[in-house]
PDB file of N, CA and C in Angstrom:
ATOM      1  N   MET A   1      15.854  12.371  -2.159  1.00  0.00           N
ATOM      2  CA  MET A   1      14.999  11.284  -1.838  1.00  0.00           C
ATOM      3  C   MET A   1      14.037  11.621  -0.743  1.00  0.00           C
ATOM      4  N   ARG A   2      13.043  12.386  -1.100  1.00  0.00           N
ATOM      5  CA  ARG A   2      12.086  12.832  -0.106  1.00  0.00           C
ATOM      6  C   ARG A   2      11.301  11.694   0.547  1.00  0.00           C
ATOM      7  N   TRP A   3      11.132  10.615  -0.197  1.00  0.00           N
ATOM      8  CA  TRP A   3      10.304   9.527   0.358  1.00  0.00           C
ATOM      9  C   TRP A   3      10.982   8.933   1.586  1.00  0.00           C
ATOM     10  N   ARG A   4      12.323   8.845   1.563  1.00  0.00           N
ATOM     11  CA  ARG A   4      13.021   8.314   2.737  1.00  0.00           C
ATOM     12  C   ARG A   4      12.820   9.208   3.966  1.00  0.00           C
ATOM     13  N   ASP A   5      12.906  10.517   3.790  1.00  0.00           N
ATOM     14  CA  ASP A   5      12.655  11.424   4.905  1.00  0.00           C
ATOM     15  C   ASP A   5      11.215  11.268   5.419  1.00  0.00           C
ATOM     16  N   ARG A   6      10.268  11.126   4.479  1.00  0.00           N
ATOM     17  CA  ARG A   6       8.853  10.957   4.863  1.00  0.00           C
ATOM     18  C   ARG A   6       8.661   9.647   5.601  1.00  0.00           C
ATOM     19  N   PHE A   7       9.270   8.606   5.170  1.00  0.00           N
ATOM     20  CA  PHE A   7       9.151   7.292   5.837  1.00  0.00           C
ATOM     21  C   PHE A   7       9.706   7.374   7.245  1.00  0.00           C
ATOM     22  N   VAL A   8      10.890   7.985   7.433  1.00  0.00           N
ATOM     23  CA  VAL A   8      11.483   8.102   8.759  1.00  0.00           C
ATOM     24  C   VAL A   8      10.603   8.935   9.658  1.00  0.00           C
ATOM     25  N   PHE A   9      10.104  10.079   9.125  1.00  0.00           N
ATOM     26  CA  PHE A   9       9.259  10.981   9.900  1.00  0.00           C
ATOM     27  C   PHE A   9       8.039  10.267  10.394  1.00  0.00           C
ATOM     28  N   CYS A  10       7.340   9.541   9.511  1.00  0.00           N
ATOM     29  CA  CYS A  10       6.103   8.828   9.834  1.00  0.00           C
ATOM     30  C   CYS A  10       6.373   7.697  10.840  1.00  0.00           C
ATOM     31  N   ALA A  11       7.438   6.946  10.675  1.00  0.00           N
ATOM     32  CA  ALA A  11       7.755   5.883  11.564  1.00  0.00           C
ATOM     33  C   ALA A  11       8.042   6.417  12.982  1.00  0.00           C
ATOM     34  N   GLU A  12       8.838   7.508  13.026  1.00  0.00           N
ATOM     35  CA  GLU A  12       9.186   8.104  14.358  1.00  0.00           C
ATOM     36  C   GLU A  12       7.895   8.639  15.008  1.00  0.00           C
ATOM     37  N   ALA A  13       7.080   9.302  14.235  1.00  0.00           N
ATOM     38  CA  ALA A  13       5.791   9.841  14.824  1.00  0.00           C
ATOM     39  C   ALA A  13       4.904   8.750  15.331  1.00  0.00           C
ATOM     40  N   THR A  14       4.811   7.636  14.589  1.00  0.00           N
ATOM     41  CA  THR A  14       4.003   6.478  15.021  1.00  0.00           C
ATOM     42  C   THR A  14       4.528   5.883  16.358  1.00  0.00           C
ATOM     43  N   TYR A  15       5.848   5.684  16.402  1.00  0.00           N
ATOM     44  CA  TYR A  15       6.429   5.077  17.609  1.00  0.00           C
ATOM     45  C   TYR A  15       6.271   6.030  18.811  1.00  0.00           C
ATOM     46  N   LYS A  16       6.446   7.383  18.578  1.00  0.00           N
ATOM     47  CA  LYS A  16       6.343   8.294  19.637  1.00  0.00           C
ATOM     48  C   LYS A  16       4.895   8.272  20.170  1.00  0.00           C
ATOM     49  N   SER A  17       3.924   8.315  19.280  1.00  0.00           N
ATOM     50  CA  SER A  17       2.517   8.278  19.684  1.00  0.00           C
ATOM     51  C   SER A  17       2.169   7.035  20.446  1.00  0.00           C
ATOM     52  N   GLN A  18       2.726   5.892  20.015  1.00  0.00           N
ATOM     53  CA  GLN A  18       2.483   4.635  20.734  1.00  0.00           C
ATOM     54  C   GLN A  18       3.038   4.712  22.188  1.00  0.00           C
ATOM     55  N   ALA A  19       4.266   5.300  22.295  1.00  0.00           N
ATOM     56  CA  ALA A  19       4.893   5.396  23.589  1.00  0.00           C
ATOM     57  C   ALA A  19       4.088   6.309  24.504  1.00  0.00           C
ATOM     58  N   GLU A  20       3.556   7.391  23.965  1.00  0.00           N
ATOM     59  CA  GLU A  20       2.839   8.382  24.798  1.00  0.00           C
ATOM     60  C   GLU A  20       1.461   7.917  25.251  1.00  0.00           C
ATOM     61  N   THR A  21       0.790   7.123  24.364  1.00  0.00           N
ATOM     62  CA  THR A  21      -0.579   6.732  24.660  1.00  0.00           C
ATOM     63  C   THR A  21      -0.736   5.315  25.140  1.00  0.00           C
ATOM     64  N   GLY A  22       0.249   4.437  24.855  1.00  0.00           N
ATOM     65  CA  GLY A  22       0.160   3.030  25.189  1.00  0.00           C
ATOM     66  C   GLY A  22      -0.762   2.268  24.219  1.00  0.00           C
ATOM     67  N   GLU A  23      -1.209   2.962  23.186  1.00  0.00           N
ATOM     68  CA  GLU A  23      -2.110   2.359  22.198  1.00  0.00           C
ATOM     69  C   GLU A  23      -1.285   1.955  20.987  1.00  0.00           C
ATOM     70  N   ILE A  24      -1.785   0.982  20.207  1.00  0.00           N
ATOM     71  CA  ILE A  24      -1.155   0.619  18.946  1.00  0.00           C
ATOM     72  C   ILE A  24      -1.550   1.641  17.929  1.00  0.00           C
ATOM     73  N   LYS A  25      -0.644   2.185  17.210  1.00  0.00           N
ATOM     74  CA  LYS A  25      -0.823   3.145  16.125  1.00  0.00           C
ATOM     75  C   LYS A  25      -0.284   2.576  14.860  1.00  0.00           C
ATOM     76  N   GLY A  26      -0.713   3.159  13.756  1.00  0.00           N
ATOM     77  CA  GLY A  26      -0.154   2.714  12.480  1.00  0.00           C
ATOM     78  C   GLY A  26      -0.231   3.775  11.403  1.00  0.00           C
ATOM     79  N   HIS A  27       0.600   3.589  10.366  1.00  0.00           N
ATOM     80  CA  HIS A  27       0.612   4.441   9.259  1.00  0.00           C
ATOM     81  C   HIS A  27       1.039   3.548   8.046  1.00  0.00           C
ATOM     82  N   TYR A  28       0.362   3.731   6.914  1.00  0.00           N
ATOM     83  CA  TYR A  28       0.712   2.948   5.739  1.00  0.00           C
ATOM     84  C   TYR A  28       1.702   3.715   4.916  1.00  0.00           C
ATOM     85  N   LEU A  29       2.921   3.279   4.831  1.00  0.00           N
ATOM     86  CA  LEU A  29       3.916   3.954   4.018  1.00  0.00           C
ATOM     87  C   LEU A  29       3.750   3.572   2.549  1.00  0.00           C
ATOM     88  N   ASN A  30       3.637   4.544   1.661  1.00  0.00           N
ATOM     89  CA  ASN A  30       3.362   4.325   0.281  1.00  0.00           C
ATOM     90  C   ASN A  30       4.590   3.904  -0.473  1.00  0.00           C
ATOM     91  N   ALA A  31       4.638   2.647  -0.866  1.00  0.00           N
ATOM     92  CA  ALA A  31       5.773   2.091  -1.608  1.00  0.00           C
ATOM     93  C   ALA A  31       5.623   2.254  -3.166  1.00  0.00           C
ATOM     94  N   THR A  32       4.528   2.847  -3.601  1.00  0.00           N
ATOM     95  CA  THR A  32       4.313   3.008  -5.037  1.00  0.00           C
ATOM     96  C   THR A  32       5.436   3.853  -5.626  1.00  0.00           C
ATOM     97  N   ALA A  33       6.005   3.364  -6.737  1.00  0.00           N
ATOM     98  CA  ALA A  33       7.114   4.060  -7.420  1.00  0.00           C
ATOM     99  C   ALA A  33       7.034   3.818  -8.936  1.00  0.00           C
ATOM    100  N   GLY A  34       7.902   4.440  -9.640  1.00  0.00           N
ATOM    101  CA  GLY A  34       7.894   4.293 -11.100  1.00  0.00           C
ATOM    102  C   GLY A  34       8.373   3.003 -11.618  1.00  0.00           C
ATOM    103  N   THR A  35       9.122   2.263 -10.862  1.00  0.00           N
ATOM    104  CA  THR A  35       9.598   0.895 -11.300  1.00  0.00           C
ATOM    105  C   THR A  35       9.397  -0.065 -10.169  1.00  0.00           C
ATOM    106  N   CYS A  36       9.342  -1.379 -10.500  1.00  0.00           N
ATOM    107  CA  CYS A  36       9.207  -2.385  -9.458  1.00  0.00           C
ATOM    108  C   CYS A  36      10.459  -2.404  -8.568  1.00  0.00           C
ATOM    109  N   GLU A  37      11.617  -2.164  -9.159  1.00  0.00           N
ATOM    110  CA  GLU A  37      12.847  -2.156  -8.373  1.00  0.00           C
ATOM    111  C   GLU A  37      12.827  -1.066  -7.333  1.00  0.00           C
ATOM    112  N   GLU A  38      12.387   0.119  -7.702  1.00  0.00           N
ATOM    113  CA  GLU A  38      12.298   1.212  -6.715  1.00  0.00           C
ATOM    114  C   GLU A  38      11.219   0.962  -5.676  1.00  0.00           C
ATOM    115  N   MET A  39      10.168   0.331  -6.065  1.00  0.00           N
ATOM    116  CA  MET A  39       9.092  -0.036  -5.133  1.00  0.00           C
ATOM    117  C   MET A  39       9.582  -0.998  -4.114  1.00  0.00           C
ATOM    118  N   ILE A  40      10.367  -1.975  -4.494  1.00  0.00           N
ATOM    119  CA  ILE A  40      10.948  -2.976  -3.546  1.00  0.00           C
ATOM    120  C   ILE A  40      11.908  -2.252  -2.620  1.00  0.00           C
ATOM    121  N   LYS A  41      12.717  -1.312  -3.124  1.00  0.00           N
ATOM    122  CA  LYS A  41      13.638  -0.550  -2.259  1.00  0.00           C
ATOM    123  C   LYS A  41      12.851   0.149  -1.170  1.00  0.00           C
ATOM    124  N   ARG A  42      11.712   0.711  -1.494  1.00  0.00           N
ATOM    125  CA  ARG A  42      10.873   1.424  -0.473  1.00  0.00           C
ATOM    126  C   ARG A  42      10.342   0.447   0.523  1.00  0.00           C
ATOM    127  N   ALA A  43       9.910  -0.703   0.066  1.00  0.00           N
ATOM    128  CA  ALA A  43       9.390  -1.746   0.984  1.00  0.00           C
ATOM    129  C   ALA A  43      10.500  -2.249   1.928  1.00  0.00           C
ATOM    130  N   VAL A  44      11.699  -2.438   1.376  1.00  0.00           N
ATOM    131  CA  VAL A  44      12.824  -2.883   2.181  1.00  0.00           C
ATOM    132  C   VAL A  44      13.126  -1.818   3.258  1.00  0.00           C
ATOM    133  N   PHE A  45      13.123  -0.548   2.880  1.00  0.00           N
ATOM    134  CA  PHE A  45      13.392   0.511   3.873  1.00  0.00           C
ATOM    135  C   PHE A  45      12.320   0.564   4.931  1.00  0.00           C
ATOM    136  N   ALA A  46      11.086   0.423   4.537  1.00  0.00           N
ATOM    137  CA  ALA A  46       9.983   0.398   5.508  1.00  0.00           C
ATOM    138  C   ALA A  46      10.154  -0.744   6.474  1.00  0.00           C
ATOM    139  N   ARG A  47      10.561  -1.885   5.980  1.00  0.00           N
ATOM    140  CA  ARG A  47      10.770  -3.048   6.847  1.00  0.00           C
ATOM    141  C   ARG A  47      11.910  -2.791   7.831  1.00  0.00           C
ATOM    142  N   GLU A  48      12.983  -2.117   7.353  1.00  0.00           N
ATOM    143  CA  GLU A  48      14.103  -1.799   8.209  1.00  0.00           C
ATOM    144  C   GLU A  48      13.723  -0.815   9.332  1.00  0.00           C
ATOM    145  N   LEU A  49      12.703  -0.013   9.035  1.00  0.00           N
ATOM    146  CA  LEU A  49      12.205   0.898  10.062  1.00  0.00           C
ATOM    147  C   LEU A  49      11.268   0.217  11.043  1.00  0.00           C
ATOM    148  N   GLY A  50      10.888  -1.014  10.771  1.00  0.00           N
ATOM    149  CA  GLY A  50      10.044  -1.795  11.632  1.00  0.00           C
ATOM    150  C   GLY A  50       8.556  -1.543  11.417  1.00  0.00           C
ATOM    151  N   VAL A  51       8.195  -0.908  10.274  1.00  0.00           N
ATOM    152  CA  VAL A  51       6.838  -0.612   9.983  1.00  0.00           C
ATOM    153  C   VAL A  51       6.138  -1.907   9.469  1.00  0.00           C
ATOM    154  N   PRO A  52       4.983  -2.245   9.982  1.00  0.00           N
ATOM    155  CA  PRO A  52       4.364  -3.556   9.633  1.00  0.00           C
ATOM    156  C   PRO A  52       3.550  -3.531   8.317  1.00  0.00           C
ATOM    157  N   ILE A  53       3.220  -2.361   7.812  1.00  0.00           N
ATOM    158  CA  ILE A  53       2.333  -2.288   6.627  1.00  0.00           C
ATOM    159  C   ILE A  53       2.862  -1.278   5.610  1.00  0.00           C
ATOM    160  N   VAL A  54       2.874  -1.696   4.336  1.00  0.00           N
ATOM    161  CA  VAL A  54       3.147  -0.722   3.267  1.00  0.00           C
ATOM    162  C   VAL A  54       1.943  -0.641   2.366  1.00  0.00           C
ATOM    163  N   MET A  55       1.837   0.402   1.576  1.00  0.00           N
ATOM    164  CA  MET A  55       0.736   0.656   0.749  1.00  0.00           C
ATOM    165  C   MET A  55       1.159   0.708  -0.717  1.00  0.00           C
ATOM    166  N   HIS A  56       0.218   0.334  -1.594  1.00  0.00           N
ATOM    167  CA  HIS A  56       0.484   0.395  -3.026  1.00  0.00           C
ATOM    168  C   HIS A  56      -0.797   0.974  -3.718  1.00  0.00           C
ATOM    169  N   ASP A  57      -0.592   1.968  -4.600  1.00  0.00           N
ATOM    170  CA  ASP A  57      -1.674   2.469  -5.407  1.00  0.00           C
ATOM    171  C   ASP A  57      -1.740   1.664  -6.693  1.00  0.00           C
ATOM    172  N   TYR A  58      -2.723   0.743  -6.739  1.00  0.00           N
ATOM    173  CA  TYR A  58      -2.773  -0.249  -7.835  1.00  0.00           C
ATOM    174  C   TYR A  58      -2.954   0.308  -9.216  1.00  0.00           C
ATOM    175  N   LEU A  59      -3.706   1.427  -9.360  1.00  0.00           N
ATOM    176  CA  LEU A  59      -3.909   1.923 -10.708  1.00  0.00           C
ATOM    177  C   LEU A  59      -2.656   2.661 -11.247  1.00  0.00           C
ATOM    178  N   THR A  60      -1.995   3.343 -10.372  1.00  0.00           N
ATOM    179  CA  THR A  60      -0.765   4.036 -10.865  1.00  0.00           C
ATOM    180  C   THR A  60       0.400   3.084 -10.951  1.00  0.00           C
ATOM    181  N   GLY A  61       0.398   2.012 -10.153  1.00  0.00           N
ATOM    182  CA  GLY A  61       1.495   1.037 -10.170  1.00  0.00           C
ATOM    183  C   GLY A  61       1.250  -0.151 -11.098  1.00  0.00           C
ATOM    184  N   GLY A  62       0.027  -0.614 -11.229  1.00  0.00           N
ATOM    185  CA  GLY A  62      -0.330  -1.733 -12.068  1.00  0.00           C
ATOM    186  C   GLY A  62      -0.410  -3.010 -11.332  1.00  0.00           C
ATOM    187  N   PHE A  63      -1.109  -3.941 -11.914  1.00  0.00           N
ATOM    188  CA  PHE A  63      -1.357  -5.274 -11.279  1.00  0.00           C
ATOM    189  C   PHE A  63      -0.092  -6.086 -11.139  1.00  0.00           C
ATOM    190  N   THR A  64       0.806  -6.039 -12.150  1.00  0.00           N
ATOM    191  CA  THR A  64       2.061  -6.799 -12.054  1.00  0.00           C
ATOM    192  C   THR A  64       2.898  -6.261 -10.906  1.00  0.00           C
ATOM    193  N   ALA A  65       2.978  -4.958 -10.790  1.00  0.00           N
ATOM    194  CA  ALA A  65       3.699  -4.346  -9.689  1.00  0.00           C
ATOM    195  C   ALA A  65       3.081  -4.729  -8.368  1.00  0.00           C
ATOM    196  N   ASN A  66       1.751  -4.782  -8.321  1.00  0.00           N
ATOM    197  CA  ASN A  66       1.032  -5.153  -7.101  1.00  0.00           C
ATOM    198  C   ASN A  66       1.438  -6.600  -6.694  1.00  0.00           C
ATOM    199  N   THR A  67       1.495  -7.507  -7.674  1.00  0.00           N
ATOM    200  CA  THR A  67       1.831  -8.849  -7.346  1.00  0.00           C
ATOM    201  C   THR A  67       3.318  -8.974  -6.894  1.00  0.00           C
ATOM    202  N   THR A  68       4.229  -8.225  -7.590  1.00  0.00           N
ATOM    203  CA  THR A  68       5.625  -8.210  -7.217  1.00  0.00           C
ATOM    204  C   THR A  68       5.800  -7.756  -5.750  1.00  0.00           C
ATOM    205  N   LEU A  69       5.104  -6.646  -5.473  1.00  0.00           N
ATOM    206  CA  LEU A  69       5.197  -6.153  -4.066  1.00  0.00           C
ATOM    207  C   LEU A  69       4.542  -7.119  -3.030  1.00  0.00           C
ATOM    208  N   ALA A  70       3.429  -7.727  -3.464  1.00  0.00           N
ATOM    209  CA  ALA A  70       2.808  -8.716  -2.586  1.00  0.00           C
ATOM    210  C   ALA A  70       3.740  -9.862  -2.270  1.00  0.00           C
ATOM    211  N   HIS A  71       4.468 -10.369  -3.272  1.00  0.00           N
ATOM    212  CA  HIS A  71       5.407 -11.490  -3.007  1.00  0.00           C
ATOM    213  C   HIS A  71       6.481 -11.081  -2.031  1.00  0.00           C
ATOM    214  N   TYR A  72       7.029  -9.850  -2.251  1.00  0.00           N
ATOM    215  CA  TYR A  72       8.071  -9.341  -1.339  1.00  0.00           C
ATOM    216  C   TYR A  72       7.473  -9.261   0.111  1.00  0.00           C
ATOM    217  N   CYS A  73       6.277  -8.657   0.235  1.00  0.00           N
ATOM    218  CA  CYS A  73       5.732  -8.487   1.501  1.00  0.00           C
ATOM    219  C   CYS A  73       5.446  -9.813   2.216  1.00  0.00           C
ATOM    220  N   ARG A  74       4.907 -10.741   1.482  1.00  0.00           N
ATOM    221  CA  ARG A  74       4.614 -12.070   2.040  1.00  0.00           C
ATOM    222  C   ARG A  74       5.858 -12.766   2.536  1.00  0.00           C
ATOM    223  N   ASP A  75       6.914 -12.657   1.774  1.00  0.00           N
ATOM    224  CA  ASP A  75       8.196 -13.263   2.092  1.00  0.00           C
ATOM    225  C   ASP A  75       8.910 -12.641   3.282  1.00  0.00           C
ATOM    226  N   ASN A  76       8.510 -11.372   3.612  1.00  0.00           N
ATOM    227  CA  ASN A  76       9.295 -10.593   4.583  1.00  0.00           C
ATOM    228  C   ASN A  76       8.448 -10.091   5.728  1.00  0.00           C
ATOM    229  N   GLY A  77       7.279 -10.635   5.936  1.00  0.00           N
ATOM    230  CA  GLY A  77       6.444 -10.327   7.115  1.00  0.00           C
ATOM    231  C   GLY A  77       5.792  -8.986   7.099  1.00  0.00           C
ATOM    232  N   LEU A  78       5.539  -8.424   5.923  1.00  0.00           N
ATOM    233  CA  LEU A  78       4.820  -7.144   5.850  1.00  0.00           C
ATOM    234  C   LEU A  78       3.420  -7.388   5.326  1.00  0.00           C
ATOM    235  N   LEU A  79       2.491  -6.520   5.733  1.00  0.00           N
ATOM    236  CA  LEU A  79       1.144  -6.537   5.165  1.00  0.00           C
ATOM    237  C   LEU A  79       1.158  -5.564   4.070  1.00  0.00           C
ATOM    238  N   LEU A  80       0.326  -5.847   3.032  1.00  0.00           N
ATOM    239  CA  LEU A  80       0.211  -4.988   1.869  1.00  0.00           C
ATOM    240  C   LEU A  80      -1.194  -4.389   1.804  1.00  0.00           C
ATOM    241  N   HIS A  81      -1.299  -3.059   1.966  1.00  0.00           N
ATOM    242  CA  HIS A  81      -2.552  -2.345   1.887  1.00  0.00           C
ATOM    243  C   HIS A  81      -2.689  -1.814   0.423  1.00  0.00           C
ATOM    244  N   ILE A  82      -3.842  -2.102  -0.194  1.00  0.00           N
ATOM    245  CA  ILE A  82      -4.061  -1.623  -1.553  1.00  0.00           C
ATOM    246  C   ILE A  82      -4.914  -0.382  -1.500  1.00  0.00           C
ATOM    247  N   HIS A  83      -4.412   0.706  -2.043  1.00  0.00           N
ATOM    248  CA  HIS A  83      -5.157   1.950  -2.066  1.00  0.00           C
ATOM    249  C   HIS A  83      -5.795   2.066  -3.432  1.00  0.00           C
ATOM    250  N   ARG A  84      -6.973   2.736  -3.459  1.00  0.00           N
ATOM    251  CA  ARG A  84      -7.719   2.835  -4.706  1.00  0.00           C
ATOM    252  C   ARG A  84      -7.619   4.198  -5.371  1.00  0.00           C
ATOM    253  N   ALA A  85      -6.503   4.814  -5.312  1.00  0.00           N
ATOM    254  CA  ALA A  85      -6.343   6.137  -5.950  1.00  0.00           C
ATOM    255  C   ALA A  85      -6.756   6.059  -7.448  1.00  0.00           C
ATOM    256  N   MET A  86      -7.519   6.942  -7.891  1.00  0.00           N
ATOM    257  CA  MET A  86      -8.038   7.053  -9.288  1.00  0.00           C
ATOM    258  C   MET A  86      -9.079   5.947  -9.650  1.00  0.00           C
ATOM    259  N   HIS A  87      -9.633   5.278  -8.694  1.00  0.00           N
ATOM    260  CA  HIS A  87     -10.556   4.170  -8.977  1.00  0.00           C
ATOM    261  C   HIS A  87     -11.768   4.619  -9.762  1.00  0.00           C
ATOM    262  N   ALA A  88     -12.203   5.850  -9.577  1.00  0.00           N
ATOM    263  CA  ALA A  88     -13.401   6.334 -10.252  1.00  0.00           C
ATOM    264  C   ALA A  88     -13.281   6.308 -11.739  1.00  0.00           C
ATOM    265  N   VAL A  89     -12.059   6.362 -12.270  1.00  0.00           N
ATOM    266  CA  VAL A  89     -11.840   6.241 -13.688  1.00  0.00           C
ATOM    267  C   VAL A  89     -12.382   4.926 -14.207  1.00  0.00           C
ATOM    268  N   ILE A  90     -12.354   3.911 -13.404  1.00  0.00           N
ATOM    269  CA  ILE A  90     -12.833   2.571 -13.840  1.00  0.00           C
ATOM    270  C   ILE A  90     -14.218   2.247 -13.330  1.00  0.00           C
ATOM    271  N   ASP A  91     -14.462   2.480 -12.049  1.00  0.00           N
ATOM    272  CA  ASP A  91     -15.694   1.964 -11.472  1.00  0.00           C
ATOM    273  C   ASP A  91     -16.870   2.942 -11.291  1.00  0.00           C
ATOM    274  N   ARG A  92     -16.692   4.134 -11.700  1.00  0.00           N
ATOM    275  CA  ARG A  92     -17.807   5.105 -11.573  1.00  0.00           C
ATOM    276  C   ARG A  92     -18.313   5.678 -12.884  1.00  0.00           C
ATOM    277  N   GLN A  93     -17.939   5.019 -13.958  1.00  0.00           N
ATOM    278  CA  GLN A  93     -18.378   5.462 -15.296  1.00  0.00           C
ATOM    279  C   GLN A  93     -19.676   4.728 -15.706  1.00  0.00           C
ATOM    280  N   LYS A  94     -20.613   5.404 -16.270  1.00  0.00           N
ATOM    281  CA  LYS A  94     -21.857   4.807 -16.651  1.00  0.00           C
ATOM    282  C   LYS A  94     -21.733   3.911 -17.902  1.00  0.00           C
ATOM    283  N   ASN A  95     -20.851   4.333 -18.800  1.00  0.00           N
ATOM    284  CA  ASN A  95     -20.794   3.668 -20.100  1.00  0.00           C
ATOM    285  C   ASN A  95     -19.663   2.647 -20.232  1.00  0.00           C
ATOM    286  N   HIS A  96     -18.764   2.594 -19.320  1.00  0.00           N
ATOM    287  CA  HIS A  96     -17.702   1.626 -19.359  1.00  0.00           C
ATOM    288  C   HIS A  96     -17.187   1.335 -17.946  1.00  0.00           C
ATOM    289  N   GLY A  97     -16.317   0.440 -17.799  1.00  0.00           N
ATOM    290  CA  GLY A  97     -15.761   0.133 -16.474  1.00  0.00           C
ATOM    291  C   GLY A  97     -16.296  -1.125 -15.866  1.00  0.00           C
ATOM    292  N   MET A  98     -16.054  -1.275 -14.577  1.00  0.00           N
ATOM    293  CA  MET A  98     -16.479  -2.433 -13.822  1.00  0.00           C
ATOM    294  C   MET A  98     -16.734  -2.005 -12.406  1.00  0.00           C
ATOM    295  N   HIS A  99     -17.527  -2.774 -11.704  1.00  0.00           N
ATOM    296  CA  HIS A  99     -17.858  -2.524 -10.317  1.00  0.00           C
ATOM    297  C   HIS A  99     -16.567  -2.694  -9.461  1.00  0.00           C
ATOM    298  N   PHE A 100     -16.519  -1.918  -8.371  1.00  0.00           N
ATOM    299  CA  PHE A 100     -15.326  -1.990  -7.542  1.00  0.00           C
ATOM    300  C   PHE A 100     -15.203  -3.359  -6.830  1.00  0.00           C
ATOM    301  N   ARG A 101     -16.275  -4.023  -6.634  1.00  0.00           N
ATOM    302  CA  ARG A 101     -16.168  -5.378  -6.011  1.00  0.00           C
ATOM    303  C   ARG A 101     -15.335  -6.328  -6.931  1.00  0.00           C
ATOM    304  N   VAL A 102     -15.505  -6.180  -8.240  1.00  0.00           N
ATOM    305  CA  VAL A 102     -14.718  -7.022  -9.132  1.00  0.00           C
ATOM    306  C   VAL A 102     -13.238  -6.625  -9.011  1.00  0.00           C
ATOM    307  N   LEU A 103     -12.954  -5.334  -9.003  1.00  0.00           N
ATOM    308  CA  LEU A 103     -11.568  -4.873  -8.834  1.00  0.00           C
ATOM    309  C   LEU A 103     -10.986  -5.364  -7.495  1.00  0.00           C
ATOM    310  N   ALA A 104     -11.795  -5.265  -6.459  1.00  0.00           N
ATOM    311  CA  ALA A 104     -11.306  -5.704  -5.126  1.00  0.00           C
ATOM    312  C   ALA A 104     -10.958  -7.160  -5.122  1.00  0.00           C
ATOM    313  N   LYS A 105     -11.782  -7.989  -5.744  1.00  0.00           N
ATOM    314  CA  LYS A 105     -11.467  -9.436  -5.830  1.00  0.00           C
ATOM    315  C   LYS A 105     -10.179  -9.679  -6.609  1.00  0.00           C
ATOM    316  N   ALA A 106     -10.021  -9.007  -7.722  1.00  0.00           N
ATOM    317  CA  ALA A 106      -8.768  -9.099  -8.547  1.00  0.00           C
ATOM    318  C   ALA A 106      -7.590  -8.683  -7.715  1.00  0.00           C
ATOM    319  N   LEU A 107      -7.707  -7.618  -6.937  1.00  0.00           N
ATOM    320  CA  LEU A 107      -6.593  -7.154  -6.163  1.00  0.00           C
ATOM    321  C   LEU A 107      -6.258  -8.089  -5.008  1.00  0.00           C
ATOM    322  N   ARG A 108      -7.279  -8.733  -4.405  1.00  0.00           N
ATOM    323  CA  ARG A 108      -7.030  -9.748  -3.368  1.00  0.00           C
ATOM    324  C   ARG A 108      -6.298 -10.923  -4.015  1.00  0.00           C
ATOM    325  N   MET A 109      -6.738 -11.332  -5.230  1.00  0.00           N
ATOM    326  CA  MET A 109      -6.087 -12.427  -5.912  1.00  0.00           C
ATOM    327  C   MET A 109      -4.668 -12.140  -6.331  1.00  0.00           C
ATOM    328  N   SER A 110      -4.349 -10.840  -6.573  1.00  0.00           N
ATOM    329  CA  SER A 110      -2.999 -10.482  -6.927  1.00  0.00           C
ATOM    330  C   SER A 110      -2.096 -10.288  -5.700  1.00  0.00           C
ATOM    331  N   GLY A 111      -2.638 -10.481  -4.471  1.00  0.00           N
ATOM    332  CA  GLY A 111      -1.820 -10.495  -3.319  1.00  0.00           C
ATOM    333  C   GLY A 111      -2.044  -9.445  -2.248  1.00  0.00           C
ATOM    334  N   GLY A 112      -2.970  -8.559  -2.435  1.00  0.00           N
ATOM    335  CA  GLY A 112      -3.206  -7.536  -1.413  1.00  0.00           C
ATOM    336  C   GLY A 112      -3.822  -8.128  -0.162  1.00  0.00           C
ATOM    337  N   ASP A 113      -3.368  -7.661   1.001  1.00  0.00           N
ATOM    338  CA  ASP A 113      -3.894  -8.150   2.274  1.00  0.00           C
ATOM    339  C   ASP A 113      -5.074  -7.349   2.759  1.00  0.00           C
ATOM    340  N   HIS A 114      -5.092  -6.048   2.442  1.00  0.00           N
ATOM    341  CA  HIS A 114      -6.072  -5.105   2.943  1.00  0.00           C
ATOM    342  C   HIS A 114      -6.389  -4.128   1.849  1.00  0.00           C
ATOM    343  N   ILE A 115      -7.652  -3.892   1.551  1.00  0.00           N
ATOM    344  CA  ILE A 115      -8.045  -3.010   0.446  1.00  0.00           C
ATOM    345  C   ILE A 115      -8.876  -1.865   0.944  1.00  0.00           C
ATOM    346  N   HIS A 116      -8.533  -0.648   0.543  1.00  0.00           N
ATOM    347  CA  HIS A 116      -9.357   0.532   0.828  1.00  0.00           C
ATOM    348  C   HIS A 116     -10.497   0.545  -0.165  1.00  0.00           C
ATOM    349  N   SER A 117     -11.671   0.169   0.292  1.00  0.00           N
ATOM    350  CA  SER A 117     -12.806   0.055  -0.648  1.00  0.00           C
ATOM    351  C   SER A 117     -13.775   1.264  -0.564  1.00  0.00           C
ATOM    352  N   GLY A 118     -13.722   1.972   0.554  1.00  0.00           N
ATOM    353  CA  GLY A 118     -14.645   3.138   0.619  1.00  0.00           C
ATOM    354  C   GLY A 118     -16.057   2.751   0.687  1.00  0.00           C
ATOM    355  N   ILE A 119     -16.952   3.693   0.340  1.00  0.00           N
ATOM    356  CA  ILE A 119     -18.379   3.497   0.348  1.00  0.00           C
ATOM    357  C   ILE A 119     -18.870   3.344  -1.109  1.00  0.00           C
ATOM    358  N   GLN A 120     -19.562   2.277  -1.387  1.00  0.00           N
ATOM    359  CA  GLN A 120     -20.095   2.050  -2.736  1.00  0.00           C
ATOM    360  C   GLN A 120     -21.613   2.109  -2.733  1.00  0.00           C
TER     361      GLN A 120
END
C-alpha cells in the first residue's frame, strides 16, 4: 500500500515545514482510486492524519466518484480539490469536446470545492 506511506510522508513533511517556518503549508493528498470504496478509505486515512484537503482526478475517477467523495468530504470537514488530469482529451480538441469552463461548472455542481483550472 504505497499510497499510505506517501500520505504519511507528505503529512509529516507538511507539519515539519509549518513548525520550522511558522507559515501555513499544504499538500493535496490524491484520493483517486479504482473504486469508490477505496477512494473513501484514502479520504478517511487523510482525515485521520489531520490533512484538510484531498484531491480527486475527475476524468480518471468519474463524475459519480467525484460526487461520492464530495459528500464524504462535506460530511467530515475536508475540502475537495478537483484536478484536471487528462483534461486536454476533452477541452482542447478542435472537432469535439467542450470548453473547460463548462467542465469546471459541472465539477463545482458535483461537489468540488476547489478546481485546478490552469490557463485557458
